[in-house]
Amino acid sequence: DHVCKLKKSLYGLQQAPRTWFLRFTSFLQNLGFVGSKADTSLFVLNQHGKTAYLLLYVDDIILTANSNSLLHSITSSLQKEFDMSDLGPLHHFLRISVTRSKTGLFLSQEQYASDLLERSHMTNCNASNTPVDTSPKISCSQGTKLANPTEFRSLAGALQYLTLTRPDISYAVQQACLFMHTPTDSHYNLLKRILRYIKGTLSHGLTISRSGNRDLIPYSDADWTGCPDTRRSTSGYCV
């Protein structure tokens, strides 16, 4: 018949992640970091012409800066305030492998993809050359409804995370995710086709190349006929 007053948020409690985020971001703000409006997990520090970026995911952190002195200063401040370790250059983050080279970075989820194949019992499946076939799109009602659609939704969600470094499967995964509500065996075959393609392309990933060009270049496939103004810039955008 007693009620306990919580004085400190402990790991595992429902409010613990929120409390930790507020605690950590409050310290970052004291250091001069500003939260990004595009991503609440990204923080930017501009100080005397020097810039630092910090990406936070629970207690995993990526920190980079264009100045070694600024980088060491921030790392030292974090270690004094929190019990954390500097693991050195980035190699793995959230199951994404990072390989450095003279030309840039190579991001891969090969181990994650292998685990996904094992989880779906398709480790020894025959590889497919493409993630989708050329037949007409499957309708929502085609096939027999799955008795337990949970596995379909779980695999589809896992494949969505794989698209971070595998844009080549983005369209196929997007098509499969259209049938999340009431998936059928035909829709499940779409997922299997993607997994067979992954089987033959495990080493594929995303290359981020070095570049001296800092200009932001936009691309668009917008239909010009929908432009409310007939005047257009030389780049094709509405003015």
C-alpha atoms as a PDB file:
ATOM      1  CA  ASP A   1       0.000   0.000   0.000  1.00  0.00           C
ATOM      2  CA  HIS A   2       2.924   2.336  -0.632  1.00  0.00           C
ATOM      3  CA  VAL A   3       3.708   4.592  -3.561  1.00  0.00           C
ATOM      4  CA  CYS A   4       7.341   5.139  -4.575  1.00  0.00           C
ATOM      5  CA  LYS A   5       8.569   8.505  -5.781  1.00  0.00           C
ATOM      6  CA  LEU A   6      10.984   8.082  -8.680  1.00  0.00           C
ATOM      7  CA  LYS A   7      14.040  10.289  -8.117  1.00  0.00           C
ATOM      8  CA  LYS A   8      16.145   8.937 -10.957  1.00  0.00           C
ATOM      9  CA  SER A   9      15.113   7.421 -14.270  1.00  0.00           C
ATOM     10  CA  LEU A  10      16.554   3.913 -14.417  1.00  0.00           C
ATOM     11  CA  TYR A  11      17.493   1.993 -17.544  1.00  0.00           C
ATOM     12  CA  GLY A  12      14.540  -0.077 -18.767  1.00  0.00           C
ATOM     13  CA  LEU A  13      11.757   2.142 -17.473  1.00  0.00           C
ATOM     14  CA  GLN A  14       9.221   3.528 -19.923  1.00  0.00           C
ATOM     15  CA  GLN A  15      10.352   7.151 -19.542  1.00  0.00           C
ATOM     16  CA  ALA A  16      14.080   6.329 -19.455  1.00  0.00           C
ATOM     17  CA  PRO A  17      14.773   6.953 -23.181  1.00  0.00           C
ATOM     18  CA  ARG A  18      13.044  10.341 -23.075  1.00  0.00           C
ATOM     19  CA  THR A  19      14.830  11.341 -19.880  1.00  0.00           C
ATOM     20  CA  TRP A  20      18.194  10.325 -21.314  1.00  0.00           C
ATOM     21  CA  PHE A  21      17.545  12.242 -24.542  1.00  0.00           C
ATOM     22  CA  LEU A  22      16.624  15.410 -22.651  1.00  0.00           C
ATOM     23  CA  ARG A  23      19.651  15.045 -20.385  1.00  0.00           C
ATOM     24  CA  PHE A  24      22.063  14.530 -23.274  1.00  0.00           C
ATOM     25  CA  THR A  25      20.638  17.222 -25.546  1.00  0.00           C
ATOM     26  CA  SER A  26      20.688  19.713 -22.678  1.00  0.00           C
ATOM     27  CA  PHE A  27      24.430  19.158 -22.294  1.00  0.00           C
ATOM     28  CA  LEU A  28      24.974  19.448 -26.050  1.00  0.00           C
ATOM     29  CA  GLN A  29      23.193  22.794 -26.051  1.00  0.00           C
ATOM     30  CA  ASN A  30      25.528  23.984 -23.311  1.00  0.00           C
ATOM     31  CA  LEU A  31      28.427  23.114 -25.609  1.00  0.00           C
ATOM     32  CA  GLY A  32      26.876  25.204 -28.372  1.00  0.00           C
ATOM     33  CA  PHE A  33      25.220  22.506 -30.474  1.00  0.00           C
ATOM     34  CA  VAL A  34      21.954  23.267 -32.220  1.00  0.00           C
ATOM     35  CA  GLY A  35      19.414  20.584 -33.099  1.00  0.00           C
ATOM     36  CA  SER A  36      18.654  20.048 -36.768  1.00  0.00           C
ATOM     37  CA  LYS A  37      15.138  20.906 -37.895  1.00  0.00           C
ATOM     38  CA  ALA A  38      15.249  18.045 -40.408  1.00  0.00           C
ATOM     39  CA  ASP A  39      16.357  15.316 -37.977  1.00  0.00           C
ATOM     40  CA  THR A  40      15.935  15.476 -34.203  1.00  0.00           C
ATOM     41  CA  SER A  41      18.870  13.080 -33.779  1.00  0.00           C
ATOM     42  CA  LEU A  42      21.335  15.388 -35.571  1.00  0.00           C
ATOM     43  CA  PHE A  43      23.133  18.260 -33.844  1.00  0.00           C
ATOM     44  CA  VAL A  44      25.392  20.869 -35.442  1.00  0.00           C
ATOM     45  CA  LEU A  45      28.052  23.071 -33.851  1.00  0.00           C
ATOM     46  CA  ASN A  46      29.504  26.117 -35.634  1.00  0.00           C
ATOM     47  CA  GLN A  47      32.346  27.736 -33.743  1.00  0.00           C
ATOM     48  CA  HIS A  48      34.825  30.266 -35.147  1.00  0.00           C
ATOM     49  CA  GLY A  49      34.641  28.843 -38.645  1.00  0.00           C
ATOM     50  CA  LYS A  50      34.847  25.253 -37.394  1.00  0.00           C
ATOM     51  CA  THR A  51      31.947  22.826 -37.738  1.00  0.00           C
ATOM     52  CA  ALA A  52      31.045  19.602 -35.933  1.00  0.00           C
ATOM     53  CA  TYR A  53      28.208  17.148 -36.491  1.00  0.00           C
ATOM     54  CA  LEU A  54      26.884  14.746 -33.878  1.00  0.00           C
ATOM     55  CA  LEU A  55      24.367  12.007 -34.636  1.00  0.00           C
ATOM     56  CA  LEU A  56      22.671  10.352 -31.655  1.00  0.00           C
ATOM     57  CA  TYR A  57      20.765   7.077 -31.574  1.00  0.00           C
ATOM     58  CA  VAL A  58      19.949   6.149 -27.950  1.00  0.00           C
ATOM     59  CA  ASP A  59      23.506   5.678 -26.618  1.00  0.00           C
ATOM     60  CA  ASP A  60      25.278   5.209 -29.965  1.00  0.00           C
ATOM     61  CA  ILE A  61      26.956   8.354 -31.258  1.00  0.00           C
ATOM     62  CA  ILE A  62      28.717   9.434 -34.441  1.00  0.00           C
ATOM     63  CA  LEU A  63      30.825  12.560 -34.055  1.00  0.00           C
ATOM     64  CA  THR A  64      32.789  14.287 -36.810  1.00  0.00           C
ATOM     65  CA  ALA A  65      34.320  17.713 -37.334  1.00  0.00           C
ATOM     66  CA  ASN A  66      36.451  19.607 -39.811  1.00  0.00           C
ATOM     67  CA  SER A  67      38.960  20.379 -37.059  1.00  0.00           C
ATOM     68  CA  ASN A  68      40.884  17.837 -34.967  1.00  0.00           C
ATOM     69  CA  SER A  69      41.185  20.272 -32.070  1.00  0.00           C
ATOM     70  CA  LEU A  70      37.412  20.816 -31.986  1.00  0.00           C
ATOM     71  CA  LEU A  71      36.809  17.077 -32.270  1.00  0.00           C
ATOM     72  CA  HIS A  72      39.115  16.307 -29.340  1.00  0.00           C
ATOM     73  CA  SER A  73      37.594  19.115 -27.279  1.00  0.00           C
ATOM     74  CA  ILE A  74      34.049  17.806 -27.728  1.00  0.00           C
ATOM     75  CA  THR A  75      35.121  14.203 -27.063  1.00  0.00           C
ATOM     76  CA  SER A  76      36.884  15.252 -23.869  1.00  0.00           C
ATOM     77  CA  SER A  77      33.836  17.216 -22.664  1.00  0.00           C
ATOM     78  CA  LEU A  78      31.521  14.251 -23.309  1.00  0.00           C
ATOM     79  CA  GLN A  79      33.797  11.820 -21.474  1.00  0.00           C
ATOM     80  CA  LYS A  80      33.971  14.121 -18.451  1.00  0.00           C
ATOM     81  CA  GLU A  81      30.191  14.446 -18.287  1.00  0.00           C
ATOM     82  CA  PHE A  82      29.174  10.883 -19.208  1.00  0.00           C
ATOM     83  CA  ASP A  83      30.616   7.415 -18.817  1.00  0.00           C
ATOM     84  CA  MET A  84      31.474   6.749 -22.446  1.00  0.00           C
ATOM     85  CA  SER A  85      34.365   5.573 -24.587  1.00  0.00           C
ATOM     86  CA  ASP A  86      35.871   6.813 -27.834  1.00  0.00           C
ATOM     87  CA  LEU A  87      35.897   3.816 -30.196  1.00  0.00           C
ATOM     88  CA  GLY A  88      38.009   5.600 -32.796  1.00  0.00           C
ATOM     89  CA  PRO A  89      37.243   5.870 -36.531  1.00  0.00           C
ATOM     90  CA  LEU A  90      33.776   4.757 -37.593  1.00  0.00           C
ATOM     91  CA  HIS A  91      33.543   1.078 -38.582  1.00  0.00           C
ATOM     92  CA  HIS A  92      30.020  -0.014 -37.600  1.00  0.00           C
ATOM     93  CA  PHE A  93      26.868   1.881 -36.727  1.00  0.00           C
ATOM     94  CA  LEU A  94      23.403   0.369 -36.300  1.00  0.00           C
ATOM     95  CA  ARG A  95      24.396  -2.764 -38.250  1.00  0.00           C
ATOM     96  CA  ILE A  96      25.865  -0.698 -41.082  1.00  0.00           C
ATOM     97  CA  SER A  97      29.485  -1.486 -41.905  1.00  0.00           C
ATOM     98  CA  VAL A  98      31.712   1.430 -42.943  1.00  0.00           C
ATOM     99  CA  THR A  99      34.870   0.818 -44.995  1.00  0.00           C
ATOM    100  CA  ARG A 100      37.229   3.708 -45.643  1.00  0.00           C
ATOM    101  CA  SER A 101      39.338   4.139 -48.763  1.00  0.00           C
ATOM    102  CA  LYS A 102      41.195   6.914 -50.578  1.00  0.00           C
ATOM    103  CA  THR A 103      38.105   7.582 -52.694  1.00  0.00           C
ATOM    104  CA  GLY A 104      35.579   7.827 -49.848  1.00  0.00           C
ATOM    105  CA  LEU A 105      33.349   5.551 -47.759  1.00  0.00           C
ATOM    106  CA  PHE A 106      31.629   2.291 -48.597  1.00  0.00           C
ATOM    107  CA  LEU A 107      28.487   1.517 -46.575  1.00  0.00           C
ATOM    108  CA  SER A 108      27.329  -2.090 -46.431  1.00  0.00           C
ATOM    109  CA  GLN A 109      24.712  -4.159 -44.602  1.00  0.00           C
ATOM    110  CA  GLU A 110      26.049  -7.515 -45.774  1.00  0.00           C
ATOM    111  CA  GLN A 111      25.847  -9.178 -42.355  1.00  0.00           C
ATOM    112  CA  TYR A 112      22.371  -7.774 -41.778  1.00  0.00           C
ATOM    113  CA  ALA A 113      21.255  -9.141 -45.170  1.00  0.00           C
ATOM    114  CA  SER A 114      22.763 -12.561 -44.367  1.00  0.00           C
ATOM    115  CA  ASP A 115      20.918 -12.644 -41.043  1.00  0.00           C
ATOM    116  CA  LEU A 116      17.722 -11.700 -42.856  1.00  0.00           C
ATOM    117  CA  LEU A 117      18.124 -14.629 -45.266  1.00  0.00           C
ATOM    118  CA  GLU A 118      18.743 -16.999 -42.365  1.00  0.00           C
ATOM    119  CA  ARG A 119      15.743 -15.644 -40.488  1.00  0.00           C
ATOM    120  CA  SER A 120      13.501 -16.273 -43.504  1.00  0.00           C
ATOM    121  CA  HIS A 121      15.008 -19.772 -44.067  1.00  0.00           C
ATOM    122  CA  MET A 122      16.355 -18.767 -47.488  1.00  0.00           C
ATOM    123  CA  THR A 123      20.090 -19.055 -46.873  1.00  0.00           C
ATOM    124  CA  ASN A 124      20.433 -21.764 -49.522  1.00  0.00           C
ATOM    125  CA  CYS A 125      17.905 -20.351 -52.007  1.00  0.00           C
ATOM    126  CA  ASN A 126      18.652 -19.846 -55.688  1.00  0.00           C
ATOM    127  CA  ALA A 127      19.723 -16.305 -56.486  1.00  0.00           C
ATOM    128  CA  SER A 128      17.659 -14.049 -58.747  1.00  0.00           C
ATOM    129  CA  ASN A 129      19.121 -11.563 -61.232  1.00  0.00           C
ATOM    130  CA  THR A 130      16.508  -8.893 -60.508  1.00  0.00           C
ATOM    131  CA  PRO A 131      14.415  -7.941 -57.455  1.00  0.00           C
ATOM    132  CA  VAL A 132      11.177  -7.804 -59.508  1.00  0.00           C
ATOM    133  CA  ASP A 133       9.909  -9.455 -62.683  1.00  0.00           C
ATOM    134  CA  THR A 134       8.372  -7.844 -65.750  1.00  0.00           C
ATOM    135  CA  SER A 135       4.888  -9.324 -65.307  1.00  0.00           C
ATOM    136  CA  PRO A 136       1.952  -7.001 -64.560  1.00  0.00           C
ATOM    137  CA  LYS A 137       1.606  -5.746 -60.995  1.00  0.00           C
ATOM    138  CA  ILE A 138      -0.173  -8.016 -58.544  1.00  0.00           C
ATOM    139  CA  SER A 139      -3.547  -6.769 -57.343  1.00  0.00           C
ATOM    140  CA  CYS A 140      -4.569  -6.474 -53.704  1.00  0.00           C
ATOM    141  CA  SER A 141      -7.002  -9.406 -53.960  1.00  0.00           C
ATOM    142  CA  GLN A 142      -4.777 -11.790 -55.915  1.00  0.00           C
ATOM    143  CA  GLY A 143      -3.857 -14.985 -54.076  1.00  0.00           C
ATOM    144  CA  THR A 144      -4.902 -16.527 -50.772  1.00  0.00           C
ATOM    145  CA  LYS A 145      -4.778 -14.433 -47.612  1.00  0.00           C
ATOM    146  CA  LEU A 146      -2.019 -15.414 -45.212  1.00  0.00           C
ATOM    147  CA  ALA A 147      -3.213 -17.040 -42.016  1.00  0.00           C
ATOM    148  CA  ASN A 148      -0.520 -15.188 -40.064  1.00  0.00           C
ATOM    149  CA  PRO A 149       0.496 -11.927 -41.803  1.00  0.00           C
ATOM    150  CA  THR A 150       2.923 -10.996 -39.008  1.00  0.00           C
ATOM    151  CA  GLU A 151       5.891 -12.656 -40.703  1.00  0.00           C
ATOM    152  CA  PHE A 152       5.175 -10.817 -43.968  1.00  0.00           C
ATOM    153  CA  ARG A 153       5.037  -7.454 -42.197  1.00  0.00           C
ATOM    154  CA  SER A 154       8.157  -8.203 -40.186  1.00  0.00           C
ATOM    155  CA  LEU A 155      10.188  -9.153 -43.270  1.00  0.00           C
ATOM    156  CA  ALA A 156       8.889  -6.167 -45.222  1.00  0.00           C
ATOM    157  CA  GLY A 157       9.917  -3.845 -42.400  1.00  0.00           C
ATOM    158  CA  ALA A 158      13.355  -5.462 -42.214  1.00  0.00           C
ATOM    159  CA  LEU A 159      13.805  -4.995 -45.960  1.00  0.00           C
ATOM    160  CA  GLN A 160      12.897  -1.328 -45.606  1.00  0.00           C
ATOM    161  CA  TYR A 161      15.876  -0.867 -43.289  1.00  0.00           C
ATOM    162  CA  LEU A 162      18.106  -2.618 -45.823  1.00  0.00           C
ATOM    163  CA  THR A 163      17.261   0.043 -48.430  1.00  0.00           C
ATOM    164  CA  LEU A 164      19.468   2.483 -46.493  1.00  0.00           C
ATOM    165  CA  THR A 165      22.489   1.067 -48.324  1.00  0.00           C
ATOM    166  CA  ARG A 166      20.637  -0.812 -51.075  1.00  0.00           C
ATOM    167  CA  PRO A 167      18.700   1.728 -53.165  1.00  0.00           C
ATOM    168  CA  ASP A 168      18.526  -0.921 -55.913  1.00  0.00           C
ATOM    169  CA  ILE A 169      15.751  -2.715 -53.985  1.00  0.00           C
ATOM    170  CA  SER A 170      13.829   0.409 -52.954  1.00  0.00           C
ATOM    171  CA  TYR A 171      11.177   0.115 -55.658  1.00  0.00           C
ATOM    172  CA  ALA A 172      10.636  -3.605 -55.100  1.00  0.00           C
ATOM    173  CA  VAL A 173      10.319  -3.163 -51.327  1.00  0.00           C
ATOM    174  CA  GLN A 174       7.936  -0.240 -51.786  1.00  0.00           C
ATOM    175  CA  GLN A 175       5.704  -2.378 -53.986  1.00  0.00           C
ATOM    176  CA  ALA A 176       5.672  -5.201 -51.441  1.00  0.00           C
ATOM    177  CA  CYS A 177       4.812  -2.785 -48.623  1.00  0.00           C
ATOM    178  CA  LEU A 178       1.640  -1.729 -50.456  1.00  0.00           C
ATOM    179  CA  PHE A 179       0.030  -4.964 -49.274  1.00  0.00           C
ATOM    180  CA  MET A 180       0.807  -4.720 -45.552  1.00  0.00           C
ATOM    181  CA  HIS A 181      -2.861  -4.586 -44.568  1.00  0.00           C
ATOM    182  CA  THR A 182      -4.034  -7.930 -45.990  1.00  0.00           C
ATOM    183  CA  PRO A 183      -1.068  -9.768 -47.552  1.00  0.00           C
ATOM    184  CA  THR A 184      -1.594 -12.922 -49.608  1.00  0.00           C
ATOM    185  CA  ASP A 185       0.677 -15.754 -50.697  1.00  0.00           C
ATOM    186  CA  SER A 186       1.204 -13.915 -54.002  1.00  0.00           C
ATOM    187  CA  HIS A 187       2.421 -10.860 -52.127  1.00  0.00           C
ATOM    188  CA  TYR A 188       4.686 -13.059 -50.037  1.00  0.00           C
ATOM    189  CA  ASN A 189       6.264 -14.303 -53.255  1.00  0.00           C
ATOM    190  CA  LEU A 190       7.247 -10.701 -53.975  1.00  0.00           C
ATOM    191  CA  LEU A 191       9.281 -10.678 -50.783  1.00  0.00           C
ATOM    192  CA  LYS A 192      10.860 -14.006 -51.660  1.00  0.00           C
ATOM    193  CA  ARG A 193      11.906 -12.620 -55.050  1.00  0.00           C
ATOM    194  CA  ILE A 194      13.644  -9.705 -53.321  1.00  0.00           C
ATOM    195  CA  LEU A 195      15.377 -12.056 -50.888  1.00  0.00           C
ATOM    196  CA  ARG A 196      16.605 -14.243 -53.748  1.00  0.00           C
ATOM    197  CA  TYR A 197      18.019 -11.140 -55.417  1.00  0.00           C
ATOM    198  CA  ILE A 198      19.766 -10.189 -52.156  1.00  0.00           C
ATOM    199  CA  LYS A 199      21.219 -13.696 -51.995  1.00  0.00           C
ATOM    200  CA  GLY A 200      23.166 -13.023 -55.199  1.00  0.00           C
ATOM    201  CA  THR A 201      24.152  -9.446 -54.313  1.00  0.00           C
ATOM    202  CA  LEU A 202      25.200  -9.648 -50.662  1.00  0.00           C
ATOM    203  CA  SER A 203      28.353  -7.625 -51.256  1.00  0.00           C
ATOM    204  CA  HIS A 204      26.486  -4.684 -52.788  1.00  0.00           C
ATOM    205  CA  GLY A 205      26.393  -1.422 -50.873  1.00  0.00           C
ATOM    206  CA  LEU A 206      26.477   2.349 -51.119  1.00  0.00           C
ATOM    207  CA  THR A 207      29.595   4.318 -52.040  1.00  0.00           C
ATOM    208  CA  ILE A 208      30.017   7.882 -50.810  1.00  0.00           C
ATOM    209  CA  SER A 209      32.791   9.396 -52.906  1.00  0.00           C
ATOM    210  CA  ARG A 210      35.043  12.308 -52.062  1.00  0.00           C
ATOM    211  CA  SER A 211      34.182  15.491 -53.893  1.00  0.00           C
ATOM    212  CA  GLY A 212      35.517  19.019 -53.889  1.00  0.00           C
ATOM    213  CA  ASN A 213      32.212  20.373 -55.143  1.00  0.00           C
ATOM    214  CA  ARG A 214      30.049  21.676 -52.294  1.00  0.00           C
ATOM    215  CA  ASP A 215      27.216  22.948 -54.488  1.00  0.00           C
ATOM    216  CA  LEU A 216      23.765  21.511 -53.818  1.00  0.00           C
ATOM    217  CA  ILE A 217      22.441  20.059 -57.085  1.00  0.00           C
ATOM    218  CA  PRO A 218      18.681  19.291 -57.206  1.00  0.00           C
ATOM    219  CA  TYR A 219      17.056  16.778 -59.540  1.00  0.00           C
ATOM    220  CA  SER A 220      13.383  16.626 -60.413  1.00  0.00           C
ATOM    221  CA  ASP A 221      11.032  14.567 -62.555  1.00  0.00           C
ATOM    222  CA  ALA A 222       8.118  16.944 -61.995  1.00  0.00           C
ATOM    223  CA  ASP A 223       5.597  17.393 -64.799  1.00  0.00           C
ATOM    224  CA  TRP A 224       6.058  20.893 -66.206  1.00  0.00           C
ATOM    225  CA  THR A 225       2.452  21.016 -67.379  1.00  0.00           C
ATOM    226  CA  GLY A 226       1.380  21.331 -63.755  1.00  0.00           C
ATOM    227  CA  CYS A 227       3.405  24.483 -63.256  1.00  0.00           C
ATOM    228  CA  PRO A 228       1.065  27.345 -62.180  1.00  0.00           C
ATOM    229  CA  ASP A 229       3.267  29.901 -63.896  1.00  0.00           C
ATOM    230  CA  THR A 230       4.399  29.706 -67.518  1.00  0.00           C
ATOM    231  CA  ARG A 231       7.707  31.357 -66.668  1.00  0.00           C
ATOM    232  CA  ARG A 232      10.493  28.867 -66.018  1.00  0.00           C
ATOM    233  CA  SER A 233      14.135  29.178 -65.162  1.00  0.00           C
ATOM    234  CA  THR A 234      16.894  27.825 -67.389  1.00  0.00           C
ATOM    235  CA  SER A 235      17.061  24.763 -65.132  1.00  0.00           C
ATOM    236  CA  GLY A 236      13.426  23.906 -65.861  1.00  0.00           C
ATOM    237  CA  TYR A 237      11.964  24.919 -62.502  1.00  0.00           C
ATOM    238  CA  CYS A 238       9.033  27.256 -62.082  1.00  0.00           C
ATOM    239  CA  VAL A 239      10.089  30.816 -61.312  1.00  0.00           C
END
